[in-house]
mmCIF file of all heavy atoms, coordinates in Angstrom:
data_MODEL
# 
_entry.id   MODEL 
# 
loop_
_atom_site.group_PDB 
_atom_site.id 
_atom_site.type_symbol 
_atom_site.label_atom_id 
_atom_site.label_alt_id 
_atom_site.label_comp_id 
_atom_site.label_asym_id 
_atom_site.label_entity_id 
_atom_site.label_seq_id 
_atom_site.pdbx_PDB_ins_code 
_atom_site.Cartn_x 
_atom_site.Cartn_y 
_atom_site.Cartn_z 
_atom_site.occupancy 
_atom_site.B_iso_or_equiv 
_atom_site.pdbx_formal_charge 
_atom_site.auth_seq_id 
_atom_site.auth_comp_id 
_atom_site.auth_asym_id 
_atom_site.auth_atom_id 
_atom_site.pdbx_PDB_model_num 
ATOM 1   N N   . PHE A 1 1  ? 26.307 -4.564  -21.782 1.00 0.00 ? 1  PHE A N   1 
ATOM 2   C CA  . PHE A 1 1  ? 27.631 -5.125  -21.439 1.00 0.00 ? 1  PHE A CA  1 
ATOM 3   C C   . PHE A 1 1  ? 27.587 -6.644  -21.146 1.00 0.00 ? 1  PHE A C   1 
ATOM 4   O O   . PHE A 1 1  ? 28.453 -7.400  -21.623 1.00 0.00 ? 1  PHE A O   1 
ATOM 5   C CB  . PHE A 1 1  ? 28.249 -4.410  -20.227 1.00 0.00 ? 1  PHE A CB  1 
ATOM 6   C CG  . PHE A 1 1  ? 29.539 -4.900  -19.833 1.00 0.00 ? 1  PHE A CG  1 
ATOM 7   C CD1 . PHE A 1 1  ? 30.696 -4.534  -20.463 1.00 0.00 ? 1  PHE A CD1 1 
ATOM 8   C CD2 . PHE A 1 1  ? 29.768 -5.666  -18.662 1.00 0.00 ? 1  PHE A CD2 1 
ATOM 9   C CE1 . PHE A 1 1  ? 31.962 -5.042  -20.119 1.00 0.00 ? 1  PHE A CE1 1 
ATOM 10  C CE2 . PHE A 1 1  ? 30.901 -6.193  -18.270 1.00 0.00 ? 1  PHE A CE2 1 
ATOM 11  C CZ  . PHE A 1 1  ? 32.057 -5.780  -18.974 1.00 0.00 ? 1  PHE A CZ  1 
ATOM 12  N N   . ILE A 1 2  ? 26.585 -7.037  -20.398 1.00 0.00 ? 2  ILE A N   1 
ATOM 13  C CA  . ILE A 1 2  ? 26.464 -8.504  -20.089 1.00 0.00 ? 2  ILE A CA  1 
ATOM 14  C C   . ILE A 1 2  ? 26.309 -9.328  -21.323 1.00 0.00 ? 2  ILE A C   1 
ATOM 15  O O   . ILE A 1 2  ? 26.962 -10.313 -21.481 1.00 0.00 ? 2  ILE A O   1 
ATOM 16  C CB  . ILE A 1 2  ? 25.307 -8.653  -19.118 1.00 0.00 ? 2  ILE A CB  1 
ATOM 17  C CG1 . ILE A 1 2  ? 25.556 -8.057  -17.746 1.00 0.00 ? 2  ILE A CG1 1 
ATOM 18  C CG2 . ILE A 1 2  ? 24.869 -10.164 -18.948 1.00 0.00 ? 2  ILE A CG2 1 
ATOM 19  C CD1 . ILE A 1 2  ? 24.375 -8.054  -16.796 1.00 0.00 ? 2  ILE A CD1 1 
ATOM 20  N N   . THR A 1 3  ? 25.324 -8.891  -22.201 1.00 0.00 ? 3  THR A N   1 
ATOM 21  C CA  . THR A 1 3  ? 25.009 -9.696  -23.368 1.00 0.00 ? 3  THR A CA  1 
ATOM 22  C C   . THR A 1 3  ? 26.230 -9.727  -24.277 1.00 0.00 ? 3  THR A C   1 
ATOM 23  O O   . THR A 1 3  ? 26.480 -10.696 -25.048 1.00 0.00 ? 3  THR A O   1 
ATOM 24  C CB  . THR A 1 3  ? 23.791 -9.249  -24.076 1.00 0.00 ? 3  THR A CB  1 
ATOM 25  O OG1 . THR A 1 3  ? 23.930 -7.894  -24.443 1.00 0.00 ? 3  THR A OG1 1 
ATOM 26  C CG2 . THR A 1 3  ? 22.558 -9.453  -23.195 1.00 0.00 ? 3  THR A CG2 1 
ATOM 27  N N   . VAL A 1 4  ? 26.934 -8.561  -24.443 1.00 0.00 ? 4  VAL A N   1 
ATOM 28  C CA  . VAL A 1 4  ? 28.195 -8.500  -25.414 1.00 0.00 ? 4  VAL A CA  1 
ATOM 29  C C   . VAL A 1 4  ? 29.231 -9.530  -24.960 1.00 0.00 ? 4  VAL A C   1 
ATOM 30  O O   . VAL A 1 4  ? 29.737 -10.305 -25.677 1.00 0.00 ? 4  VAL A O   1 
ATOM 31  C CB  . VAL A 1 4  ? 28.675 -7.094  -25.420 1.00 0.00 ? 4  VAL A CB  1 
ATOM 32  C CG1 . VAL A 1 4  ? 30.069 -7.108  -26.128 1.00 0.00 ? 4  VAL A CG1 1 
ATOM 33  C CG2 . VAL A 1 4  ? 27.713 -6.160  -26.208 1.00 0.00 ? 4  VAL A CG2 1 
ATOM 34  N N   . THR A 1 5  ? 29.505 -9.512  -23.668 1.00 0.00 ? 5  THR A N   1 
ATOM 35  C CA  . THR A 1 5  ? 30.543 -10.401 -23.121 1.00 0.00 ? 5  THR A CA  1 
ATOM 36  C C   . THR A 1 5  ? 30.093 -11.865 -23.234 1.00 0.00 ? 5  THR A C   1 
ATOM 37  O O   . THR A 1 5  ? 30.907 -12.694 -23.541 1.00 0.00 ? 5  THR A O   1 
ATOM 38  C CB  . THR A 1 5  ? 30.857 -10.108 -21.645 1.00 0.00 ? 5  THR A CB  1 
ATOM 39  O OG1 . THR A 1 5  ? 29.696 -10.136 -20.824 1.00 0.00 ? 5  THR A OG1 1 
ATOM 40  C CG2 . THR A 1 5  ? 31.489 -8.720  -21.487 1.00 0.00 ? 5  THR A CG2 1 
ATOM 41  N N   . LEU A 1 6  ? 28.851 -12.123 -23.032 1.00 0.00 ? 6  LEU A N   1 
ATOM 42  C CA  . LEU A 1 6  ? 28.291 -13.537 -23.195 1.00 0.00 ? 6  LEU A CA  1 
ATOM 43  C C   . LEU A 1 6  ? 28.401 -13.984 -24.658 1.00 0.00 ? 6  LEU A C   1 
ATOM 44  O O   . LEU A 1 6  ? 28.871 -15.093 -24.886 1.00 0.00 ? 6  LEU A O   1 
ATOM 45  C CB  . LEU A 1 6  ? 26.868 -13.538 -22.668 1.00 0.00 ? 6  LEU A CB  1 
ATOM 46  C CG  . LEU A 1 6  ? 26.674 -13.429 -21.127 1.00 0.00 ? 6  LEU A CG  1 
ATOM 47  C CD1 . LEU A 1 6  ? 25.210 -13.430 -20.772 1.00 0.00 ? 6  LEU A CD1 1 
ATOM 48  C CD2 . LEU A 1 6  ? 27.367 -14.499 -20.349 1.00 0.00 ? 6  LEU A CD2 1 
ATOM 49  N N   . VAL A 1 7  ? 27.945 -13.153 -25.558 1.00 0.00 ? 7  VAL A N   1 
ATOM 50  C CA  . VAL A 1 7  ? 28.033 -13.540 -26.957 1.00 0.00 ? 7  VAL A CA  1 
ATOM 51  C C   . VAL A 1 7  ? 29.371 -13.700 -27.427 1.00 0.00 ? 7  VAL A C   1 
ATOM 52  O O   . VAL A 1 7  ? 29.737 -14.669 -28.142 1.00 0.00 ? 7  VAL A O   1 
ATOM 53  C CB  . VAL A 1 7  ? 27.234 -12.478 -27.846 1.00 0.00 ? 7  VAL A CB  1 
ATOM 54  C CG1 . VAL A 1 7  ? 27.565 -12.639 -29.352 1.00 0.00 ? 7  VAL A CG1 1 
ATOM 55  C CG2 . VAL A 1 7  ? 25.733 -12.585 -27.590 1.00 0.00 ? 7  VAL A CG2 1 
ATOM 56  N N   . ALA A 1 8  ? 30.306 -12.777 -27.117 1.00 0.00 ? 8  ALA A N   1 
ATOM 57  C CA  . ALA A 1 8  ? 31.683 -12.877 -27.651 1.00 0.00 ? 8  ALA A CA  1 
ATOM 58  C C   . ALA A 1 8  ? 32.335 -14.058 -27.030 1.00 0.00 ? 8  ALA A C   1 
ATOM 59  O O   . ALA A 1 8  ? 33.097 -14.807 -27.789 1.00 0.00 ? 8  ALA A O   1 
ATOM 60  C CB  . ALA A 1 8  ? 32.442 -11.566 -27.242 1.00 0.00 ? 8  ALA A CB  1 
ATOM 61  N N   . HIS A 1 9  ? 32.206 -14.353 -25.744 1.00 0.00 ? 9  HIS A N   1 
ATOM 62  C CA  . HIS A 1 9  ? 32.885 -15.379 -25.186 1.00 0.00 ? 9  HIS A CA  1 
ATOM 63  C C   . HIS A 1 9  ? 32.288 -16.788 -25.523 1.00 0.00 ? 9  HIS A C   1 
ATOM 64  O O   . HIS A 1 9  ? 33.007 -17.781 -25.696 1.00 0.00 ? 9  HIS A O   1 
ATOM 65  C CB  . HIS A 1 9  ? 32.866 -15.246 -23.548 1.00 0.00 ? 9  HIS A CB  1 
ATOM 66  C CG  . HIS A 1 9  ? 33.802 -14.120 -23.092 1.00 0.00 ? 9  HIS A CG  1 
ATOM 67  N ND1 . HIS A 1 9  ? 33.517 -13.438 -21.934 1.00 0.00 ? 9  HIS A ND1 1 
ATOM 68  C CD2 . HIS A 1 9  ? 34.820 -13.607 -23.673 1.00 0.00 ? 9  HIS A CD2 1 
ATOM 69  C CE1 . HIS A 1 9  ? 34.431 -12.547 -21.802 1.00 0.00 ? 9  HIS A CE1 1 
ATOM 70  N NE2 . HIS A 1 9  ? 35.289 -12.628 -22.789 1.00 0.00 ? 9  HIS A NE2 1 
ATOM 71  N N   . ARG A 1 10 ? 30.966 -16.756 -25.798 1.00 0.00 ? 10 ARG A N   1 
ATOM 72  C CA  . ARG A 1 10 ? 30.403 -18.062 -26.285 1.00 0.00 ? 10 ARG A CA  1 
ATOM 73  C C   . ARG A 1 10 ? 30.839 -18.401 -27.649 1.00 0.00 ? 10 ARG A C   1 
ATOM 74  O O   . ARG A 1 10 ? 31.177 -19.498 -27.965 1.00 0.00 ? 10 ARG A O   1 
ATOM 75  C CB  . ARG A 1 10 ? 28.866 -17.951 -26.237 1.00 0.00 ? 10 ARG A CB  1 
ATOM 76  C CG  . ARG A 1 10 ? 28.182 -19.228 -26.652 1.00 0.00 ? 10 ARG A CG  1 
ATOM 77  C CD  . ARG A 1 10 ? 28.563 -20.409 -25.774 1.00 0.00 ? 10 ARG A CD  1 
ATOM 78  N NE  . ARG A 1 10 ? 28.096 -21.704 -26.297 1.00 0.00 ? 10 ARG A NE  1 
ATOM 79  C CZ  . ARG A 1 10 ? 28.378 -22.873 -25.700 1.00 0.00 ? 10 ARG A CZ  1 
ATOM 80  N NH1 . ARG A 1 10 ? 29.146 -22.908 -24.614 1.00 0.00 ? 10 ARG A NH1 1 
ATOM 81  N NH2 . ARG A 1 10 ? 27.959 -23.986 -26.262 1.00 0.00 ? 10 ARG A NH2 1 
ATOM 82  N N   . THR A 1 11 ? 30.885 -17.372 -28.575 1.00 0.00 ? 11 THR A N   1 
ATOM 83  C CA  . THR A 1 11 ? 31.344 -17.595 -29.926 1.00 0.00 ? 11 THR A CA  1 
ATOM 84  C C   . THR A 1 11 ? 32.878 -18.039 -29.810 1.00 0.00 ? 11 THR A C   1 
ATOM 85  O O   . THR A 1 11 ? 33.309 -18.871 -30.621 1.00 0.00 ? 11 THR A O   1 
ATOM 86  C CB  . THR A 1 11 ? 31.245 -16.279 -30.746 1.00 0.00 ? 11 THR A CB  1 
ATOM 87  O OG1 . THR A 1 11 ? 29.837 -15.857 -30.656 1.00 0.00 ? 11 THR A OG1 1 
ATOM 88  C CG2 . THR A 1 11 ? 31.585 -16.558 -32.189 1.00 0.00 ? 11 THR A CG2 1 
ATOM 89  N N   . LEU A 1 12 ? 33.608 -17.402 -28.911 1.00 0.00 ? 12 LEU A N   1 
ATOM 90  C CA  . LEU A 1 12 ? 35.031 -17.775 -28.799 1.00 0.00 ? 12 LEU A CA  1 
ATOM 91  C C   . LEU A 1 12 ? 35.105 -19.235 -28.336 1.00 0.00 ? 12 LEU A C   1 
ATOM 92  O O   . LEU A 1 12 ? 35.988 -19.995 -28.821 1.00 0.00 ? 12 LEU A O   1 
ATOM 93  C CB  . LEU A 1 12 ? 35.660 -16.850 -27.729 1.00 0.00 ? 12 LEU A CB  1 
ATOM 94  C CG  . LEU A 1 12 ? 37.129 -16.950 -27.461 1.00 0.00 ? 12 LEU A CG  1 
ATOM 95  C CD1 . LEU A 1 12 ? 37.940 -16.674 -28.725 1.00 0.00 ? 12 LEU A CD1 1 
ATOM 96  C CD2 . LEU A 1 12 ? 37.546 -15.986 -26.403 1.00 0.00 ? 12 LEU A CD2 1 
ATOM 97  N N   . TYR A 1 13 ? 34.275 -19.621 -27.411 1.00 0.00 ? 13 TYR A N   1 
ATOM 98  C CA  . TYR A 1 13 ? 34.284 -21.031 -26.912 1.00 0.00 ? 13 TYR A CA  1 
ATOM 99  C C   . TYR A 1 13 ? 34.030 -22.026 -28.130 1.00 0.00 ? 13 TYR A C   1 
ATOM 100 O O   . TYR A 1 13 ? 34.726 -23.032 -28.276 1.00 0.00 ? 13 TYR A O   1 
ATOM 101 C CB  . TYR A 1 13 ? 33.331 -21.222 -25.809 1.00 0.00 ? 13 TYR A CB  1 
ATOM 102 C CG  . TYR A 1 13 ? 33.281 -22.667 -25.373 1.00 0.00 ? 13 TYR A CG  1 
ATOM 103 C CD1 . TYR A 1 13 ? 34.283 -23.221 -24.522 1.00 0.00 ? 13 TYR A CD1 1 
ATOM 104 C CD2 . TYR A 1 13 ? 32.310 -23.534 -25.779 1.00 0.00 ? 13 TYR A CD2 1 
ATOM 105 C CE1 . TYR A 1 13 ? 34.241 -24.554 -24.137 1.00 0.00 ? 13 TYR A CE1 1 
ATOM 106 C CE2 . TYR A 1 13 ? 32.252 -24.834 -25.381 1.00 0.00 ? 13 TYR A CE2 1 
ATOM 107 C CZ  . TYR A 1 13 ? 33.186 -25.326 -24.528 1.00 0.00 ? 13 TYR A CZ  1 
ATOM 108 O OH  . TYR A 1 13 ? 33.121 -26.680 -24.130 1.00 0.00 ? 13 TYR A OH  1 
ATOM 109 N N   . GLU A 1 14 ? 33.061 -21.643 -28.851 1.00 0.00 ? 14 GLU A N   1 
ATOM 110 C CA  . GLU A 1 14 ? 32.604 -22.499 -30.013 1.00 0.00 ? 14 GLU A CA  1 
ATOM 111 C C   . GLU A 1 14 ? 33.668 -22.555 -31.097 1.00 0.00 ? 14 GLU A C   1 
ATOM 112 O O   . GLU A 1 14 ? 33.765 -23.551 -31.934 1.00 0.00 ? 14 GLU A O   1 
ATOM 113 C CB  . GLU A 1 14 ? 31.299 -22.030 -30.565 1.00 0.00 ? 14 GLU A CB  1 
ATOM 114 C CG  . GLU A 1 14 ? 30.133 -22.224 -29.641 1.00 0.00 ? 14 GLU A CG  1 
ATOM 115 C CD  . GLU A 1 14 ? 28.870 -21.580 -30.151 1.00 0.00 ? 14 GLU A CD  1 
ATOM 116 O OE1 . GLU A 1 14 ? 28.923 -20.938 -31.131 1.00 0.00 ? 14 GLU A OE1 1 
ATOM 117 O OE2 . GLU A 1 14 ? 27.775 -21.900 -29.585 1.00 0.00 ? 14 GLU A OE2 1 
ATOM 118 N N   . ALA A 1 15 ? 34.626 -21.626 -31.104 1.00 0.00 ? 15 ALA A N   1 
ATOM 119 C CA  . ALA A 1 15 ? 35.725 -21.585 -32.086 1.00 0.00 ? 15 ALA A CA  1 
ATOM 120 C C   . ALA A 1 15 ? 36.989 -22.187 -31.554 1.00 0.00 ? 15 ALA A C   1 
ATOM 121 O O   . ALA A 1 15 ? 38.034 -22.140 -32.193 1.00 0.00 ? 15 ALA A O   1 
ATOM 122 C CB  . ALA A 1 15 ? 35.991 -20.112 -32.539 1.00 0.00 ? 15 ALA A CB  1 
ATOM 123 N N   . ARG A 1 16 ? 36.910 -22.847 -30.285 1.00 0.00 ? 16 ARG A N   1 
ATOM 124 C CA  . ARG A 1 16 ? 38.150 -23.355 -29.695 1.00 0.00 ? 16 ARG A CA  1 
ATOM 125 C C   . ARG A 1 16 ? 38.737 -24.492 -30.538 1.00 0.00 ? 16 ARG A C   1 
ATOM 126 O O   . ARG A 1 16 ? 38.019 -25.194 -31.228 1.00 0.00 ? 16 ARG A O   1 
ATOM 127 C CB  . ARG A 1 16 ? 37.797 -23.809 -28.295 1.00 0.00 ? 16 ARG A CB  1 
ATOM 128 C CG  . ARG A 1 16 ? 37.004 -25.095 -28.241 1.00 0.00 ? 16 ARG A CG  1 
ATOM 129 C CD  . ARG A 1 16 ? 36.394 -25.266 -26.837 1.00 0.00 ? 16 ARG A CD  1 
ATOM 130 N NE  . ARG A 1 16 ? 35.698 -26.555 -26.716 1.00 0.00 ? 16 ARG A NE  1 
ATOM 131 C CZ  . ARG A 1 16 ? 34.547 -26.820 -27.273 1.00 0.00 ? 16 ARG A CZ  1 
ATOM 132 N NH1 . ARG A 1 16 ? 33.805 -25.933 -27.869 1.00 0.00 ? 16 ARG A NH1 1 
ATOM 133 N NH2 . ARG A 1 16 ? 33.888 -28.024 -27.067 1.00 0.00 ? 16 ARG A NH2 1 
ATOM 134 N N   . PRO A 1 17 ? 40.081 -24.734 -30.451 1.00 0.00 ? 17 PRO A N   1 
ATOM 135 C CA  . PRO A 1 17 ? 40.679 -25.850 -31.207 1.00 0.00 ? 17 PRO A CA  1 
ATOM 136 C C   . PRO A 1 17 ? 40.645 -27.065 -30.271 1.00 0.00 ? 17 PRO A C   1 
ATOM 137 O O   . PRO A 1 17 ? 40.142 -27.143 -29.218 1.00 0.00 ? 17 PRO A O   1 
ATOM 138 C CB  . PRO A 1 17 ? 42.040 -25.284 -31.321 1.00 0.00 ? 17 PRO A CB  1 
ATOM 139 C CG  . PRO A 1 17 ? 42.385 -24.558 -30.113 1.00 0.00 ? 17 PRO A CG  1 
ATOM 140 C CD  . PRO A 1 17 ? 41.008 -23.875 -29.720 1.00 0.00 ? 17 PRO A CD  1 
ATOM 141 N N   . ALA A 1 18 ? 41.328 -28.143 -30.806 1.00 0.00 ? 18 ALA A N   1 
ATOM 142 C CA  . ALA A 1 18 ? 41.472 -29.386 -30.114 1.00 0.00 ? 18 ALA A CA  1 
ATOM 143 C C   . ALA A 1 18 ? 42.310 -29.130 -28.849 1.00 0.00 ? 18 ALA A C   1 
ATOM 144 O O   . ALA A 1 18 ? 43.040 -28.159 -28.745 1.00 0.00 ? 18 ALA A O   1 
ATOM 145 C CB  . ALA A 1 18 ? 42.162 -30.455 -31.010 1.00 0.00 ? 18 ALA A CB  1 
ATOM 146 N N   . ALA A 1 19 ? 42.212 -29.950 -27.805 1.00 0.00 ? 19 ALA A N   1 
ATOM 147 C CA  . ALA A 1 19 ? 42.861 -29.753 -26.561 1.00 0.00 ? 19 ALA A CA  1 
ATOM 148 C C   . ALA A 1 19 ? 44.399 -29.733 -26.703 1.00 0.00 ? 19 ALA A C   1 
ATOM 149 O O   . ALA A 1 19 ? 45.035 -28.990 -25.919 1.00 0.00 ? 19 ALA A O   1 
ATOM 150 C CB  . ALA A 1 19 ? 42.476 -30.838 -25.572 1.00 0.00 ? 19 ALA A CB  1 
ATOM 151 N N   . SER A 1 20 ? 44.921 -30.251 -27.765 1.00 0.00 ? 20 SER A N   1 
ATOM 152 C CA  . SER A 1 20 ? 46.424 -30.224 -27.841 1.00 0.00 ? 20 SER A CA  1 
ATOM 153 C C   . SER A 1 20 ? 46.893 -28.816 -28.244 1.00 0.00 ? 20 SER A C   1 
ATOM 154 O O   . SER A 1 20 ? 48.077 -28.586 -28.102 1.00 0.00 ? 20 SER A O   1 
ATOM 155 C CB  . SER A 1 20 ? 46.863 -31.249 -29.000 1.00 0.00 ? 20 SER A CB  1 
ATOM 156 O OG  . SER A 1 20 ? 46.153 -30.942 -30.201 1.00 0.00 ? 20 SER A OG  1 
ATOM 157 N N   . HIS A 1 21 ? 46.007 -28.005 -28.623 1.00 0.00 ? 21 HIS A N   1 
ATOM 158 C CA  . HIS A 1 21 ? 46.378 -26.570 -28.900 1.00 0.00 ? 21 HIS A CA  1 
ATOM 159 C C   . HIS A 1 21 ? 45.760 -25.568 -27.976 1.00 0.00 ? 21 HIS A C   1 
ATOM 160 O O   . HIS A 1 21 ? 45.641 -24.366 -28.290 1.00 0.00 ? 21 HIS A O   1 
ATOM 161 C CB  . HIS A 1 21 ? 45.880 -26.152 -30.404 1.00 0.00 ? 21 HIS A CB  1 
ATOM 162 C CG  . HIS A 1 21 ? 46.524 -27.016 -31.494 1.00 0.00 ? 21 HIS A CG  1 
ATOM 163 N ND1 . HIS A 1 21 ? 47.819 -26.899 -31.853 1.00 0.00 ? 21 HIS A ND1 1 
ATOM 164 C CD2 . HIS A 1 21 ? 46.028 -28.034 -32.215 1.00 0.00 ? 21 HIS A CD2 1 
ATOM 165 C CE1 . HIS A 1 21 ? 48.132 -27.778 -32.769 1.00 0.00 ? 21 HIS A CE1 1 
ATOM 166 N NE2 . HIS A 1 21 ? 47.019 -28.489 -33.062 1.00 0.00 ? 21 HIS A NE2 1 
ATOM 167 N N   . LEU A 1 22 ? 45.398 -26.068 -26.741 1.00 0.00 ? 22 LEU A N   1 
ATOM 168 C CA  . LEU A 1 22 ? 44.697 -25.262 -25.848 1.00 0.00 ? 22 LEU A CA  1 
ATOM 169 C C   . LEU A 1 22 ? 45.510 -24.100 -25.407 1.00 0.00 ? 22 LEU A C   1 
ATOM 170 O O   . LEU A 1 22 ? 45.048 -22.947 -25.265 1.00 0.00 ? 22 LEU A O   1 
ATOM 171 C CB  . LEU A 1 22 ? 44.250 -26.101 -24.628 1.00 0.00 ? 22 LEU A CB  1 
ATOM 172 C CG  . LEU A 1 22 ? 43.292 -25.459 -23.650 1.00 0.00 ? 22 LEU A CG  1 
ATOM 173 C CD1 . LEU A 1 22 ? 42.007 -25.115 -24.298 1.00 0.00 ? 22 LEU A CD1 1 
ATOM 174 C CD2 . LEU A 1 22 ? 43.058 -26.387 -22.455 1.00 0.00 ? 22 LEU A CD2 1 
ATOM 175 N N   . THR A 1 23 ? 46.775 -24.284 -25.037 1.00 0.00 ? 23 THR A N   1 
ATOM 176 C CA  . THR A 1 23 ? 47.547 -23.190 -24.393 1.00 0.00 ? 23 THR A CA  1 
ATOM 177 C C   . THR A 1 23 ? 47.809 -22.185 -25.531 1.00 0.00 ? 23 THR A C   1 
ATOM 178 O O   . THR A 1 23 ? 47.893 -20.915 -25.235 1.00 0.00 ? 23 THR A O   1 
ATOM 179 C CB  . THR A 1 23 ? 49.004 -23.777 -24.002 1.00 0.00 ? 23 THR A CB  1 
ATOM 180 O OG1 . THR A 1 23 ? 49.618 -24.527 -24.989 1.00 0.00 ? 23 THR A OG1 1 
ATOM 181 C CG2 . THR A 1 23 ? 48.786 -24.556 -22.643 1.00 0.00 ? 23 THR A CG2 1 
ATOM 182 N N   . GLU A 1 24 ? 47.950 -22.592 -26.843 1.00 0.00 ? 24 GLU A N   1 
ATOM 183 C CA  . GLU A 1 24 ? 48.037 -21.575 -27.881 1.00 0.00 ? 24 GLU A CA  1 
ATOM 184 C C   . GLU A 1 24 ? 46.727 -20.746 -27.991 1.00 0.00 ? 24 GLU A C   1 
ATOM 185 O O   . GLU A 1 24 ? 46.755 -19.588 -28.215 1.00 0.00 ? 24 GLU A O   1 
ATOM 186 C CB  . GLU A 1 24 ? 48.333 -22.282 -29.237 1.00 0.00 ? 24 GLU A CB  1 
ATOM 187 C CG  . GLU A 1 24 ? 48.483 -21.247 -30.334 1.00 0.00 ? 24 GLU A CG  1 
ATOM 188 C CD  . GLU A 1 24 ? 48.647 -21.911 -31.708 1.00 0.00 ? 24 GLU A CD  1 
ATOM 189 O OE1 . GLU A 1 24 ? 48.639 -23.194 -31.807 1.00 0.00 ? 24 GLU A OE1 1 
ATOM 190 O OE2 . GLU A 1 24 ? 48.752 -21.149 -32.703 1.00 0.00 ? 24 GLU A OE2 1 
# 
């Protein structure tokens, strides 16, 4: 469970958009 949440959230962070689209 720990490693799944870490991998998913890290990949999600690396896929983040520019700050102007942060709330979206």
